[in-house]
Amino acid sequence: MSRVYLIRHGQAGTRQRYDTLSDLGRRQARLLGEYFSSQNIVFQAAYSGGMERQRLTAEEVVAVYRDCGLAFPEVQVHDAWREFDLDHVYRSMAPQLCAADAAFKLAYEAQREQARVSAEDATAEIHRRWTPCDMKIVEAWLHAKFPYDGESWAAFQQRVGTAPFPEGDANIVVFTSATPMAIWAGRALDIHDTRTLRIAGVLHNASITILRVRGEQVRLFSMNEMPHLPRAEWRTHR
């Protein structure tokens, strides 16, 4: 039975450049690598989504192993572990919501201005929390409320389901994002609909969720572990 360590990327960048890691995000990833190496965890396979924040998280962990003189498998990029394209969802759904709802338009324009004013402050709250506007935009995508030329929620779930899991008794580490992790945790709990987003919403940056996989059988062994992040200020969600 394989043990699959699903890792959410470290804290991301600002709203203007989300697909990277903040300074804290890099530190979270390095602390994760230090924890894994201190526990003498040997991985037989490693995967990452292709997004920058996912790959940078993997790079920090790999660097710790190498600094300690420990072996780490080559990190293979697999499309199953890529998060849905949030930027494209915003570009498509936000204008349509603005056209349909005057109150939303006012709130969304205020949010954009707040993000612009705080663009140089990576710690500003606007960059570190989900707002009601954010949630309405994602819900519009989830429930296909407006025309959308990108990947649908159903197609995204199907793509995540193509993730490879090597057979046998192996430790596998995957550097990904909250929603792919939530989809696989949901499968282990026989949850296959939008309720999986409730799982994604609680996952901390650089947290560990462990699955036990044997063939088609998937079990959720633990979720959202953070033994490497003992200080409250190191525990973030976005």
Protein backbone atom coordinates (compact mmCIF):
# COMPACT_ATOMS: atom_id res chain seq x y z
CA MET A 1 0.00 0.00 0.00
CA SER A 2 1.50 3.35 -1.07
CA ARG A 3 1.59 6.31 1.29
CA VAL A 4 0.89 9.49 -0.64
CA TYR A 5 1.95 12.74 1.02
CA LEU A 6 -0.09 15.54 -0.54
CA ILE A 7 1.56 18.93 0.06
CA ARG A 8 -0.17 22.24 -0.44
CA HIS A 9 2.19 24.89 -1.78
CA GLY A 10 3.61 27.51 0.58
CA GLN A 11 2.02 30.93 0.96
CA ALA A 12 1.54 32.42 -2.49
CA GLY A 13 2.27 35.91 -3.78
CA THR A 14 -0.02 38.93 -3.94
CA ARG A 15 -3.21 39.15 -5.98
CA GLN A 16 -1.26 40.82 -8.78
CA ARG A 17 1.19 37.91 -8.94
CA TYR A 18 -0.34 35.01 -7.11
CA ASP A 19 1.52 32.17 -8.82
CA THR A 20 4.77 32.43 -6.89
CA LEU A 21 5.82 32.10 -3.24
CA SER A 22 6.06 34.89 -0.70
CA ASP A 23 9.10 35.01 1.58
CA LEU A 24 7.01 33.25 4.22
CA GLY A 25 5.92 30.67 1.64
CA ARG A 26 9.54 29.75 0.95
CA ARG A 27 10.22 29.50 4.67
CA GLN A 28 7.19 27.24 5.16
CA ALA A 29 8.45 24.95 2.39
CA ARG A 30 11.94 24.81 3.83
CA LEU A 31 10.58 24.01 7.29
CA LEU A 32 8.61 21.19 5.68
CA GLY A 33 11.79 19.81 4.13
CA GLU A 34 13.57 20.01 7.48
CA TYR A 35 10.73 18.13 9.13
CA PHE A 36 10.66 15.36 6.52
CA SER A 37 14.43 14.91 6.64
CA SER A 38 14.46 14.89 10.46
CA GLN A 39 11.91 12.06 10.36
CA ASN A 40 14.13 10.09 7.95
CA ILE A 41 11.32 9.86 5.42
CA VAL A 42 12.60 8.40 2.17
CA PHE A 43 10.48 9.05 -0.90
CA GLN A 44 10.43 6.65 -3.84
CA ALA A 45 8.57 9.02 -6.18
CA ALA A 46 7.83 12.74 -6.31
CA TYR A 47 5.33 14.74 -8.38
CA SER A 48 4.38 18.37 -8.79
CA GLY A 49 1.84 20.39 -10.68
CA GLY A 50 3.29 22.73 -13.27
CA MET A 51 2.44 25.99 -11.51
CA GLU A 52 5.32 28.09 -10.22
CA ARG A 53 4.15 28.08 -6.60
CA GLN A 54 3.93 24.28 -6.66
CA ARG A 55 7.35 23.80 -8.26
CA LEU A 56 9.03 26.33 -5.94
CA THR A 57 7.66 24.50 -2.91
CA ALA A 58 9.14 21.27 -4.23
CA GLU A 59 12.48 22.97 -4.91
CA GLU A 60 12.80 24.15 -1.30
CA VAL A 61 12.15 20.65 0.05
CA VAL A 62 14.58 19.07 -2.41
CA ALA A 63 17.23 21.66 -1.46
CA VAL A 64 16.97 20.69 2.22
CA TYR A 65 17.43 17.01 1.41
CA ARG A 66 20.48 17.78 -0.70
CA ASP A 67 21.94 20.05 2.00
CA CYS A 68 21.60 17.11 4.39
CA GLY A 69 23.25 14.72 1.93
CA LEU A 70 20.01 12.78 1.48
CA ALA A 71 18.64 11.36 -1.75
CA PHE A 72 15.43 12.72 -3.23
CA PRO A 73 13.75 11.39 -6.39
CA GLU A 74 13.44 13.56 -9.47
CA VAL A 75 10.27 15.63 -9.22
CA GLN A 76 8.03 14.77 -12.17
CA VAL A 77 5.58 17.42 -13.34
CA HIS A 78 2.12 15.97 -13.98
CA ASP A 79 -0.88 17.94 -15.21
CA ALA A 80 -3.25 16.18 -12.81
CA TRP A 81 -1.78 18.17 -9.93
CA ARG A 82 -2.19 21.63 -11.50
CA GLU A 83 -4.79 23.84 -9.79
CA PHE A 84 -7.70 25.21 -11.83
CA ASP A 85 -6.93 28.48 -13.61
CA LEU A 86 -8.19 31.01 -11.08
CA ASP A 87 -6.93 33.98 -13.10
CA HIS A 88 -8.95 32.86 -16.13
CA VAL A 89 -12.03 32.28 -13.96
CA TYR A 90 -11.74 35.86 -12.66
CA ARG A 91 -11.21 37.36 -16.13
CA SER A 92 -14.29 35.57 -17.44
CA MET A 93 -16.72 35.54 -14.53
CA ALA A 94 -16.10 38.90 -12.86
CA PRO A 95 -17.23 41.08 -15.82
CA GLN A 96 -20.35 38.97 -16.28
CA LEU A 97 -21.20 39.20 -12.59
CA CYS A 98 -20.61 42.96 -12.70
CA ALA A 99 -23.02 43.27 -15.63
CA ALA A 100 -25.66 41.19 -13.86
CA ASP A 101 -25.38 42.61 -10.33
CA ALA A 102 -24.78 46.31 -9.58
CA ALA A 103 -24.03 45.64 -5.90
CA PHE A 104 -21.41 43.08 -6.83
CA LYS A 105 -19.86 45.53 -9.28
CA LEU A 106 -19.43 48.17 -6.57
CA ALA A 107 -17.91 45.66 -4.14
CA TYR A 108 -15.61 44.19 -6.77
CA GLU A 109 -14.34 47.58 -7.92
CA ALA A 110 -13.62 48.51 -4.29
CA GLN A 111 -11.74 45.23 -3.83
CA ARG A 112 -9.62 45.84 -6.93
CA GLU A 113 -8.75 49.34 -5.73
CA GLN A 114 -7.77 47.99 -2.31
CA ALA A 115 -5.50 45.42 -3.96
CA ARG A 116 -3.95 48.13 -6.16
CA VAL A 117 -3.21 50.39 -3.20
CA SER A 118 -1.69 47.47 -1.27
CA ALA A 119 0.22 46.03 -4.22
CA GLU A 120 3.63 46.51 -2.58
CA ASP A 121 2.55 45.16 0.81
CA ALA A 122 2.58 41.36 0.59
CA THR A 123 1.24 41.08 4.14
CA ALA A 124 -1.87 43.20 3.49
CA GLU A 125 -5.09 41.44 4.44
CA ILE A 126 -6.54 41.83 0.94
CA HIS A 127 -3.84 39.45 -0.34
CA ARG A 128 -4.32 36.91 2.45
CA ARG A 129 -8.05 36.19 2.64
CA TRP A 130 -10.99 35.20 0.49
CA THR A 131 -13.58 37.92 0.14
CA PRO A 132 -17.33 37.62 -0.60
CA CYS A 133 -16.52 38.72 -4.17
CA ASP A 134 -13.95 35.95 -4.54
CA MET A 135 -16.45 33.37 -3.38
CA LYS A 136 -19.18 34.61 -5.74
CA ILE A 137 -16.77 34.44 -8.68
CA VAL A 138 -15.71 30.87 -7.91
CA GLU A 139 -19.31 29.82 -7.27
CA ALA A 140 -20.30 31.20 -10.67
CA TRP A 141 -17.64 28.98 -12.24
CA LEU A 142 -18.56 25.93 -10.13
CA HIS A 143 -22.22 26.10 -11.09
CA ALA A 144 -21.67 27.30 -14.68
CA LYS A 145 -23.83 30.39 -14.15
CA PHE A 146 -22.32 32.18 -17.16
CA PRO A 147 -20.62 31.17 -20.42
CA TYR A 148 -17.01 30.11 -19.85
CA ASP A 149 -14.45 29.05 -22.43
CA GLY A 150 -12.01 27.47 -19.96
CA GLU A 151 -11.89 24.23 -18.01
CA SER A 152 -15.18 23.45 -16.27
CA TRP A 153 -15.50 22.11 -12.73
CA ALA A 154 -16.42 18.69 -14.12
CA ALA A 155 -13.43 18.66 -16.49
CA PHE A 156 -11.14 19.79 -13.70
CA GLN A 157 -12.28 16.91 -11.48
CA GLN A 158 -11.68 14.46 -14.32
CA ARG A 159 -8.16 15.82 -14.90
CA VAL A 160 -7.24 15.55 -11.22
CA GLY A 161 -8.44 11.95 -11.32
CA THR A 162 -5.71 11.04 -13.83
CA ALA A 163 -3.01 11.34 -11.17
CA PRO A 164 -0.52 8.43 -11.23
CA PHE A 165 0.14 6.40 -8.08
CA PRO A 166 2.98 3.87 -8.37
CA GLU A 167 2.08 0.41 -7.10
CA GLY A 168 3.73 -1.26 -4.14
CA ASP A 169 4.91 -0.23 -0.70
CA ALA A 170 6.23 3.27 -1.42
CA ASN A 171 6.31 6.79 -0.04
CA ILE A 172 5.13 9.25 -2.68
CA VAL A 173 5.18 13.02 -2.27
CA VAL A 174 3.03 15.38 -4.33
CA PHE A 175 3.42 19.18 -4.40
CA THR A 176 0.08 20.60 -5.44
CA SER A 177 -2.70 22.99 -4.37
CA ALA A 178 -5.73 22.96 -2.12
CA THR A 179 -8.41 21.90 -4.60
CA PRO A 180 -6.67 18.81 -6.06
CA MET A 181 -5.88 17.74 -2.49
CA ALA A 182 -9.52 18.25 -1.50
CA ILE A 183 -10.78 16.26 -4.48
CA TRP A 184 -8.65 13.24 -3.51
CA ALA A 185 -9.56 13.55 0.17
CA GLY A 186 -13.20 13.73 -0.94
CA ARG A 187 -12.83 10.57 -3.00
CA ALA A 188 -11.52 8.76 0.05
CA LEU A 189 -14.65 9.91 1.91
CA ASP A 190 -16.98 9.17 -1.04
CA ILE A 191 -17.63 12.88 -1.65
CA HIS A 192 -17.64 13.73 -5.34
CA ASP A 193 -19.43 17.08 -5.63
CA THR A 194 -18.79 20.72 -4.79
CA ARG A 195 -18.67 19.91 -1.08
CA THR A 196 -15.00 19.13 -1.64
CA LEU A 197 -14.46 22.91 -1.73
CA ARG A 198 -15.21 22.92 2.00
CA ILE A 199 -12.17 20.72 2.47
CA ALA A 200 -10.01 22.96 0.28
CA GLY A 201 -11.02 25.98 2.34
CA VAL A 202 -9.44 24.69 5.55
CA LEU A 203 -6.10 23.50 4.16
CA HIS A 204 -3.10 25.49 5.34
CA ASN A 205 -0.17 26.42 3.16
CA ALA A 206 2.59 23.77 3.21
CA SER A 207 0.30 21.39 5.10
CA ILE A 208 0.48 17.59 4.79
CA THR A 209 -2.45 15.34 3.90
CA ILE A 210 -1.69 11.62 3.74
CA LEU A 211 -3.54 9.03 1.66
CA ARG A 212 -3.08 5.28 1.68
CA VAL A 213 -3.57 3.92 -1.84
CA ARG A 214 -3.85 0.33 -3.07
CA GLY A 215 -5.14 -0.04 -6.60
CA GLU A 216 -8.53 1.67 -6.76
CA GLN A 217 -8.80 1.83 -2.98
CA VAL A 218 -8.03 5.24 -1.43
CA ARG A 219 -8.10 5.91 2.29
CA LEU A 220 -7.66 9.24 4.06
CA PHE A 221 -5.06 8.62 6.76
CA SER A 222 -4.56 12.20 7.99
CA MET A 223 -5.33 15.74 6.82
CA ASN A 224 -3.92 19.25 7.16
CA GLU A 225 -0.99 18.26 9.37
CA MET A 226 1.44 21.05 10.34
CA PRO A 227 4.01 19.67 12.82
CA HIS A 228 6.68 21.77 11.06
CA LEU A 229 4.74 25.02 11.60
CA PRO A 230 4.42 25.33 15.39
CA ARG A 231 4.09 29.13 15.45
CA ALA A 232 0.71 30.71 14.73
CA GLU A 233 2.19 33.34 12.39
CA TRP A 234 3.60 30.57 10.16
CA ARG A 235 0.14 29.07 9.57
CA THR A 236 -1.58 30.68 6.62
CA HIS A 237 -4.36 29.86 4.16
CA ARG A 238 -3.54 31.91 1.06
